[in-house]
């Protein structure tokens, strides 16, 4: 009889410790990480939205660009001096 009472007390004690020292901190940490991740995503979306420029509606802006230079012929060989 006393052995059974001690067993139940110990079982309740370990169950209490498991819930409040393991499950609750995991739950709190998970919700905090999710909240921080959502805030970071929202901040990135705001930054991406403010950095995007509207594309030109006609082809005139594409014709105004200067032609790109071919960098193939600008290579200079490196020679080691002794």
PDB file of N, CA and C in Angstrom:
ATOM      1  N   UNK A   1       0.824  -1.191   0.000  1.00  0.00           N
ATOM      2  CA  UNK A   1       0.000   0.000   0.000  1.00  0.00           C
ATOM      3  C   UNK A   1       0.873   1.262   0.000  1.00  0.00           C
ATOM      4  N   UNK A   2       1.853   1.346   0.896  1.00  0.00           N
ATOM      5  CA  UNK A   2       2.722   2.524   0.963  1.00  0.00           C
ATOM      6  C   UNK A   2       3.600   2.575  -0.292  1.00  0.00           C
ATOM      7  N   UNK A   3       4.015   1.422  -0.773  1.00  0.00           N
ATOM      8  CA  UNK A   3       4.819   1.370  -1.991  1.00  0.00           C
ATOM      9  C   UNK A   3       4.072   1.942  -3.193  1.00  0.00           C
ATOM     10  N   UNK A   4       2.783   1.661  -3.246  1.00  0.00           N
ATOM     11  CA  UNK A   4       1.960   2.166  -4.341  1.00  0.00           C
ATOM     12  C   UNK A   4       1.813   3.685  -4.253  1.00  0.00           C
ATOM     13  N   UNK A   5       1.654   4.224  -3.065  1.00  0.00           N
ATOM     14  CA  UNK A   5       1.535   5.678  -2.865  1.00  0.00           C
ATOM     15  C   UNK A   5       2.841   6.354  -3.253  1.00  0.00           C
ATOM     16  N   UNK A   6       3.958   5.793  -2.832  1.00  0.00           N
ATOM     17  CA  UNK A   6       5.269   6.369  -3.186  1.00  0.00           C
ATOM     18  C   UNK A   6       5.458   6.329  -4.705  1.00  0.00           C
ATOM     19  N   UNK A   7       5.047   5.226  -5.342  1.00  0.00           N
ATOM     20  CA  UNK A   7       5.142   5.123  -6.801  1.00  0.00           C
ATOM     21  C   UNK A   7       4.326   6.218  -7.475  1.00  0.00           C
ATOM     22  N   UNK A   8       3.101   6.446  -7.041  1.00  0.00           N
ATOM     23  CA  UNK A   8       2.271   7.486  -7.644  1.00  0.00           C
ATOM     24  C   UNK A   8       2.852   8.876  -7.422  1.00  0.00           C
ATOM     25  N   UNK A   9       3.387   9.112  -6.232  1.00  0.00           N
ATOM     26  CA  UNK A   9       4.002  10.419  -5.946  1.00  0.00           C
ATOM     27  C   UNK A   9       5.197  10.638  -6.860  1.00  0.00           C
ATOM     28  N   UNK A  10       6.048   9.624  -6.997  1.00  0.00           N
ATOM     29  CA  UNK A  10       7.213   9.746  -7.878  1.00  0.00           C
ATOM     30  C   UNK A  10       6.787   9.904  -9.338  1.00  0.00           C
ATOM     31  N   UNK A  11       5.781   9.161  -9.756  1.00  0.00           N
ATOM     32  CA  UNK A  11       5.295   9.263 -11.139  1.00  0.00           C
ATOM     33  C   UNK A  11       4.757  10.668 -11.421  1.00  0.00           C
ATOM     34  N   UNK A  12       3.980  11.210 -10.476  1.00  0.00           N
ATOM     35  CA  UNK A  12       3.459  12.572 -10.653  1.00  0.00           C
ATOM     36  C   UNK A  12       4.585  13.601 -10.656  1.00  0.00           C
ATOM     37  N   UNK A  13       5.587  13.399  -9.813  1.00  0.00           N
ATOM     38  CA  UNK A  13       6.727  14.308  -9.749  1.00  0.00           C
ATOM     39  C   UNK A  13       7.475  14.318 -11.085  1.00  0.00           C
ATOM     40  N   UNK A  14       7.775  13.125 -11.626  1.00  0.00           N
ATOM     41  CA  UNK A  14       8.493  13.061 -12.897  1.00  0.00           C
ATOM     42  C   UNK A  14       7.646  13.574 -14.052  1.00  0.00           C
ATOM     43  N   UNK A  15       6.363  13.323 -14.019  1.00  0.00           N
ATOM     44  CA  UNK A  15       5.470  13.854 -15.042  1.00  0.00           C
ATOM     45  C   UNK A  15       5.441  15.378 -14.994  1.00  0.00           C
ATOM     46  N   UNK A  16       5.385  15.950 -13.799  1.00  0.00           N
ATOM     47  CA  UNK A  16       5.411  17.405 -13.615  1.00  0.00           C
ATOM     48  C   UNK A  16       6.719  17.983 -14.165  1.00  0.00           C
ATOM     49  N   UNK A  17       7.849  17.362 -13.794  1.00  0.00           N
ATOM     50  CA  UNK A  17       9.151  17.842 -14.272  1.00  0.00           C
ATOM     51  C   UNK A  17       9.240  17.739 -15.790  1.00  0.00           C
ATOM     52  N   UNK A  18       8.744  16.635 -16.358  1.00  0.00           N
ATOM     53  CA  UNK A  18       8.794  16.454 -17.805  1.00  0.00           C
ATOM     54  C   UNK A  18       7.981  17.532 -18.516  1.00  0.00           C
ATOM     55  N   UNK A  19       6.794  17.815 -18.007  1.00  0.00           N
ATOM     56  CA  UNK A  19       5.931  18.796 -18.662  1.00  0.00           C
ATOM     57  C   UNK A  19       6.503  20.207 -18.540  1.00  0.00           C
ATOM     58  N   UNK A  20       6.870  20.605 -17.321  1.00  0.00           N
ATOM     59  CA  UNK A  20       7.243  22.003 -17.100  1.00  0.00           C
ATOM     60  C   UNK A  20       8.715  22.305 -17.330  1.00  0.00           C
ATOM     61  N   UNK A  21       9.563  21.300 -17.433  1.00  0.00           N
ATOM     62  CA  UNK A  21      10.972  21.561 -17.706  1.00  0.00           C
ATOM     63  C   UNK A  21      11.393  21.110 -19.093  1.00  0.00           C
ATOM     64  N   UNK A  22      10.517  20.405 -19.812  1.00  0.00           N
ATOM     65  CA  UNK A  22      10.867  19.957 -21.154  1.00  0.00           C
ATOM     66  C   UNK A  22       9.851  20.419 -22.196  1.00  0.00           C
ATOM     67  N   UNK A  23       8.587  20.081 -22.034  1.00  0.00           N
ATOM     68  CA  UNK A  23       7.582  20.398 -23.049  1.00  0.00           C
ATOM     69  C   UNK A  23       7.266  21.891 -23.134  1.00  0.00           C
ATOM     70  N   UNK A  24       7.097  22.536 -22.005  1.00  0.00           N
ATOM     71  CA  UNK A  24       6.746  23.960 -22.015  1.00  0.00           C
ATOM     72  C   UNK A  24       7.873  24.803 -22.619  1.00  0.00           C
ATOM     73  N   UNK A  25       9.145  24.603 -22.230  1.00  0.00           N
ATOM     74  CA  UNK A  25      10.208  25.386 -22.878  1.00  0.00           C
ATOM     75  C   UNK A  25      10.316  25.126 -24.386  1.00  0.00           C
ATOM     76  N   UNK A  26      10.095  23.887 -24.812  1.00  0.00           N
ATOM     77  CA  UNK A  26      10.124  23.601 -26.248  1.00  0.00           C
ATOM     78  C   UNK A  26       8.996  24.349 -26.952  1.00  0.00           C
ATOM     79  N   UNK A  27       7.817  24.350 -26.369  1.00  0.00           N
ATOM     80  CA  UNK A  27       6.681  25.055 -26.959  1.00  0.00           C
ATOM     81  C   UNK A  27       6.966  26.558 -27.047  1.00  0.00           C
ATOM     82  N   UNK A  28       7.498  27.134 -25.969  1.00  0.00           N
ATOM     83  CA  UNK A  28       7.804  28.570 -25.970  1.00  0.00           C
ATOM     84  C   UNK A  28       8.876  28.908 -26.999  1.00  0.00           C
ATOM     85  N   UNK A  29       9.904  28.091 -27.080  1.00  0.00           N
ATOM     86  CA  UNK A  29      10.984  28.336 -28.032  1.00  0.00           C
ATOM     87  C   UNK A  29      10.482  28.218 -29.460  1.00  0.00           C
ATOM     88  N   UNK A  30       9.665  27.238 -29.723  1.00  0.00           N
ATOM     89  CA  UNK A  30       9.118  27.049 -31.068  1.00  0.00           C
ATOM     90  C   UNK A  30       8.269  28.240 -31.490  1.00  0.00           C
ATOM     91  N   UNK A  31       7.411  28.706 -30.615  1.00  0.00           N
ATOM     92  CA  UNK A  31       6.566  29.845 -30.976  1.00  0.00           C
ATOM     93  C   UNK A  31       7.401  31.111 -31.166  1.00  0.00           C
ATOM     94  N   UNK A  32       8.451  31.296 -30.358  1.00  0.00           N
ATOM     95  CA  UNK A  32       9.315  32.473 -30.505  1.00  0.00           C
ATOM     96  C   UNK A  32      10.061  32.422 -31.833  1.00  0.00           C
ATOM     97  N   UNK A  33      10.577  31.254 -32.199  1.00  0.00           N
ATOM     98  CA  UNK A  33      11.293  31.122 -33.462  1.00  0.00           C
ATOM     99  C   UNK A  33      10.350  31.371 -34.633  1.00  0.00           C
ATOM    100  N   UNK A  34       9.146  30.840 -34.576  1.00  0.00           N
ATOM    101  CA  UNK A  34       8.177  31.074 -35.648  1.00  0.00           C
ATOM    102  C   UNK A  34       7.836  32.552 -35.766  1.00  0.00           C
ATOM    103  N   UNK A  35       7.649  33.219 -34.645  1.00  0.00           N
ATOM    104  CA  UNK A  35       7.317  34.647 -34.654  1.00  0.00           C
ATOM    105  C   UNK A  35       8.482  35.461 -35.229  1.00  0.00           C
ATOM    106  N   UNK A  36       9.717  35.141 -34.819  1.00  0.00           N
ATOM    107  CA  UNK A  36      10.880  35.861 -35.340  1.00  0.00           C
ATOM    108  C   UNK A  36      11.072  35.604 -36.833  1.00  0.00           C
ATOM    109  N   UNK A  37      10.837  34.369 -37.258  1.00  0.00           N
ATOM    110  CA  UNK A  37      10.983  34.032 -38.670  1.00  0.00           C
ATOM    111  C   UNK A  37       9.953  34.781 -39.510  1.00  0.00           C
ATOM    112  N   UNK A  38       8.720  34.864 -39.039  1.00  0.00           N
ATOM    113  CA  UNK A  38       7.689  35.595 -39.771  1.00  0.00           C
ATOM    114  C   UNK A  38       8.020  37.081 -39.840  1.00  0.00           C
ATOM    115  N   UNK A  39       8.560  37.630 -38.756  1.00  0.00           N
ATOM    116  CA  UNK A  39       8.946  39.039 -38.760  1.00  0.00           C
ATOM    117  C   UNK A  39      10.084  39.276 -39.754  1.00  0.00           C
ATOM    118  N   UNK A  40      11.025  38.356 -39.807  1.00  0.00           N
ATOM    119  CA  UNK A  40      12.139  38.491 -40.739  1.00  0.00           C
ATOM    120  C   UNK A  40      11.644  38.391 -42.182  1.00  0.00           C
ATOM    121  N   UNK A  41      10.721  37.478 -42.447  1.00  0.00           N
ATOM    122  CA  UNK A  41      10.157  37.356 -43.796  1.00  0.00           C
ATOM    123  C   UNK A  41       9.414  38.626 -44.191  1.00  0.00           C
ATOM    124  N   UNK A  42       8.662  39.172 -43.263  1.00  0.00           N
ATOM    125  CA  UNK A  42       7.900  40.390 -43.552  1.00  0.00           C
ATOM    126  C   UNK A  42       8.861  41.549 -43.833  1.00  0.00           C
ATOM    127  N   UNK A  43       9.930  41.636 -43.064  1.00  0.00           N
ATOM    128  CA  UNK A  43      10.910  42.701 -43.269  1.00  0.00           C
ATOM    129  C   UNK A  43      11.580  42.557 -44.635  1.00  0.00           C
ATOM    130  N   UNK A  44      11.919  41.330 -45.016  1.00  0.00           N
ATOM    131  CA  UNK A  44      12.537  41.112 -46.329  1.00  0.00           C
ATOM    132  C   UNK A  44      11.574  41.451 -47.453  1.00  0.00           C
ATOM    133  N   UNK A  45      10.297  41.098 -47.287  1.00  0.00           N
ATOM    134  CA  UNK A  45       9.313  41.428 -48.313  1.00  0.00           C
ATOM    135  C   UNK A  45       9.158  42.941 -48.451  1.00  0.00           C
ATOM    136  N   UNK A  46       9.196  43.650 -47.333  1.00  0.00           N
ATOM    137  CA  UNK A  46       9.112  45.112 -47.389  1.00  0.00           C
ATOM    138  C   UNK A  46      10.323  45.688 -48.103  1.00  0.00           C
ATOM    139  N   UNK A  47      11.507  45.155 -47.809  1.00  0.00           N
ATOM    140  CA  UNK A  47      12.718  45.649 -48.459  1.00  0.00           C
ATOM    141  C   UNK A  47      12.702  45.326 -49.950  1.00  0.00           C
ATOM    142  N   UNK A  48      12.256  44.131 -50.300  1.00  0.00           N
ATOM    143  CA  UNK A  48      12.201  43.763 -51.710  1.00  0.00           C
ATOM    144  C   UNK A  48      11.174  44.621 -52.445  1.00  0.00           C
ATOM    145  N   UNK A  49      10.083  44.928 -51.801  1.00  0.00           N
ATOM    146  CA  UNK A  49       9.059  45.764 -52.423  1.00  0.00           C
ATOM    147  C   UNK A  49       9.537  47.177 -52.647  1.00  0.00           C
ATOM    148  N   UNK A  50      10.333  47.708 -51.729  1.00  0.00           N
ATOM    149  CA  UNK A  50      10.816  49.075 -51.888  1.00  0.00           C
ATOM    150  C   UNK A  50      11.984  49.142 -52.859  1.00  0.00           C
ATOM    151  N   UNK A  51      12.700  48.036 -53.060  1.00  0.00           N
ATOM    152  CA  UNK A  51      13.845  48.033 -53.967  1.00  0.00           C
ATOM    153  C   UNK A  51      13.453  47.755 -55.412  1.00  0.00           C
ATOM    154  N   UNK A  52      12.285  47.188 -55.635  1.00  0.00           N
ATOM    155  CA  UNK A  52      11.882  46.870 -57.002  1.00  0.00           C
ATOM    156  C   UNK A  52      11.477  48.138 -57.733  1.00  0.00           C
ATOM    157  N   UNK A  53      11.969  48.227 -58.952  1.00  0.00           N
ATOM    158  CA  UNK A  53      11.598  49.357 -59.788  1.00  0.00           C
ATOM    159  C   UNK A  53      10.627  48.862 -60.841  1.00  0.00           C
ATOM    160  N   UNK A  54       9.748  49.747 -61.276  1.00  0.00           N
ATOM    161  CA  UNK A  54       8.781  49.350 -62.285  1.00  0.00           C
ATOM    162  C   UNK A  54       9.491  49.278 -63.633  1.00  0.00           C
ATOM    163  N   UNK A  55       9.268  48.220 -64.394  1.00  0.00           N
ATOM    164  CA  UNK A  55       9.913  48.104 -65.704  1.00  0.00           C
ATOM    165  C   UNK A  55       9.310  49.107 -66.675  1.00  0.00           C
ATOM    166  N   UNK A  56      10.078  49.518 -67.676  1.00  0.00           N
ATOM    167  CA  UNK A  56       9.527  50.474 -68.648  1.00  0.00           C
ATOM    168  C   UNK A  56       8.399  49.837 -69.442  1.00  0.00           C
ATOM    169  N   UNK A  57       7.432  50.645 -69.785  1.00  0.00           N
ATOM    170  CA  UNK A  57       6.261  50.125 -70.483  1.00  0.00           C
ATOM    171  C   UNK A  57       6.512  49.985 -71.972  1.00  0.00           C
ATOM    172  N   UNK A  58       7.453  50.746 -72.536  1.00  0.00           N
ATOM    173  CA  UNK A  58       7.744  50.613 -73.959  1.00  0.00           C
ATOM    174  C   UNK A  58       9.212  50.223 -74.142  1.00  0.00           C
ATOM    175  N   UNK A  59       9.609  49.951 -75.351  1.00  0.00           N
ATOM    176  CA  UNK A  59      10.966  49.516 -75.629  1.00  0.00           C
ATOM    177  C   UNK A  59      11.944  50.666 -75.771  1.00  0.00           C
ATOM    178  N   UNK A  60      11.522  51.905 -75.554  1.00  0.00           N
ATOM    179  CA  UNK A  60      12.394  53.056 -75.748  1.00  0.00           C
ATOM    180  C   UNK A  60      13.537  53.060 -74.736  1.00  0.00           C
ATOM    181  N   UNK A  61      13.282  52.646 -73.518  1.00  0.00           N
ATOM    182  CA  UNK A  61      14.330  52.667 -72.499  1.00  0.00           C
ATOM    183  C   UNK A  61      15.414  51.643 -72.810  1.00  0.00           C
ATOM    184  N   UNK A  62      15.047  50.534 -73.419  1.00  0.00           N
ATOM    185  CA  UNK A  62      16.029  49.516 -73.767  1.00  0.00           C
ATOM    186  C   UNK A  62      16.931  50.003 -74.892  1.00  0.00           C
ATOM    187  N   UNK A  63      16.437  50.867 -75.768  1.00  0.00           N
ATOM    188  CA  UNK A  63      17.248  51.377 -76.870  1.00  0.00           C
ATOM    189  C   UNK A  63      18.210  52.457 -76.406  1.00  0.00           C
ATOM    190  N   UNK A  64      17.962  53.102 -75.284  1.00  0.00           N
ATOM    191  CA  UNK A  64      18.811  54.169 -74.783  1.00  0.00           C
ATOM    192  C   UNK A  64      20.089  53.655 -74.138  1.00  0.00           C
ATOM    193  N   UNK A  65      20.169  52.365 -73.839  1.00  0.00           N
ATOM    194  CA  UNK A  65      21.350  51.811 -73.177  1.00  0.00           C
ATOM    195  C   UNK A  65      22.527  51.797 -74.142  1.00  0.00           C
ATOM    196  N   UNK A  66      23.709  52.152 -73.650  1.00  0.00           N
ATOM    197  CA  UNK A  66      24.885  52.058 -74.523  1.00  0.00           C
ATOM    198  C   UNK A  66      25.237  50.595 -74.753  1.00  0.00           C
ATOM    199  N   UNK A  67      25.837  50.282 -75.883  1.00  0.00           N
ATOM    200  CA  UNK A  67      26.194  48.889 -76.142  1.00  0.00           C
ATOM    201  C   UNK A  67      27.248  48.416 -75.143  1.00  0.00           C
ATOM    202  N   UNK A  68      27.150  47.155 -74.779  1.00  0.00           N
ATOM    203  CA  UNK A  68      28.111  46.612 -73.822  1.00  0.00           C
ATOM    204  C   UNK A  68      29.438  46.378 -74.515  1.00  0.00           C
ATOM    205  N   UNK A  69      30.506  46.557 -73.775  1.00  0.00           N
ATOM    206  CA  UNK A  69      31.844  46.435 -74.305  1.00  0.00           C
ATOM    207  C   UNK A  69      32.293  44.986 -74.197  1.00  0.00           C
ATOM    208  N   UNK A  70      32.957  44.492 -75.205  1.00  0.00           N
ATOM    209  CA  UNK A  70      33.449  43.121 -75.205  1.00  0.00           C
ATOM    210  C   UNK A  70      34.784  43.105 -74.456  1.00  0.00           C
ATOM    211  N   UNK A  71      34.823  42.425 -73.318  1.00  0.00           N
ATOM    212  CA  UNK A  71      36.019  42.431 -72.473  1.00  0.00           C
ATOM    213  C   UNK A  71      37.012  41.327 -72.843  1.00  0.00           C
ATOM    214  N   UNK A  72      36.801  40.634 -73.929  1.00  0.00           N
ATOM    215  CA  UNK A  72      37.667  39.545 -74.324  1.00  0.00           C
ATOM    216  C   UNK A  72      39.083  40.032 -74.639  1.00  0.00           C
ATOM    217  N   UNK A  73      39.191  41.175 -75.262  1.00  0.00           N
ATOM    218  CA  UNK A  73      40.478  41.653 -75.751  1.00  0.00           C
ATOM    219  C   UNK A  73      41.202  42.528 -74.737  1.00  0.00           C
ATOM    220  N   UNK A  74      40.676  42.685 -73.553  1.00  0.00           N
ATOM    221  CA  UNK A  74      41.309  43.537 -72.564  1.00  0.00           C
ATOM    222  C   UNK A  74      42.159  42.762 -71.565  1.00  0.00           C
ATOM    223  N   UNK A  75      42.372  41.494 -71.782  1.00  0.00           N
ATOM    224  CA  UNK A  75      43.140  40.680 -70.848  1.00  0.00           C
ATOM    225  C   UNK A  75      44.619  41.000 -70.991  1.00  0.00           C
ATOM    226  N   UNK A  76      45.293  41.220 -69.875  1.00  0.00           N
ATOM    227  CA  UNK A  76      46.717  41.498 -69.862  1.00  0.00           C
ATOM    228  C   UNK A  76      47.402  40.340 -69.170  1.00  0.00           C
ATOM    229  N   UNK A  77      48.380  39.754 -69.821  1.00  0.00           N
ATOM    230  CA  UNK A  77      49.122  38.650 -69.235  1.00  0.00           C
ATOM    231  C   UNK A  77      49.954  39.139 -68.064  1.00  0.00           C
ATOM    232  N   UNK A  78      50.021  38.311 -67.036  1.00  0.00           N
ATOM    233  CA  UNK A  78      50.833  38.637 -65.865  1.00  0.00           C
ATOM    234  C   UNK A  78      52.173  37.966 -66.028  1.00  0.00           C
ATOM    235  N   UNK A  79      53.214  38.762 -65.905  1.00  0.00           N
ATOM    236  CA  UNK A  79      54.556  38.222 -65.975  1.00  0.00           C
ATOM    237  C   UNK A  79      55.274  38.513 -64.668  1.00  0.00           C
ATOM    238  N   UNK A  80      55.876  37.482 -64.131  1.00  0.00           N
ATOM    239  CA  UNK A  80      56.562  37.632 -62.856  1.00  0.00           C
ATOM    240  C   UNK A  80      57.943  38.204 -63.107  1.00  0.00           C
ATOM    241  N   UNK A  81      58.293  39.258 -62.361  1.00  0.00           N
ATOM    242  CA  UNK A  81      59.603  39.886 -62.478  1.00  0.00           C
ATOM    243  C   UNK A  81      60.542  39.284 -61.453  1.00  0.00           C
ATOM    244  N   UNK A  82      61.770  39.036 -61.895  1.00  0.00           N
ATOM    245  CA  UNK A  82      62.764  38.461 -60.962  1.00  0.00           C
ATOM    246  C   UNK A  82      63.801  39.465 -60.567  1.00  0.00           C
TER     247      UNK A  82
END
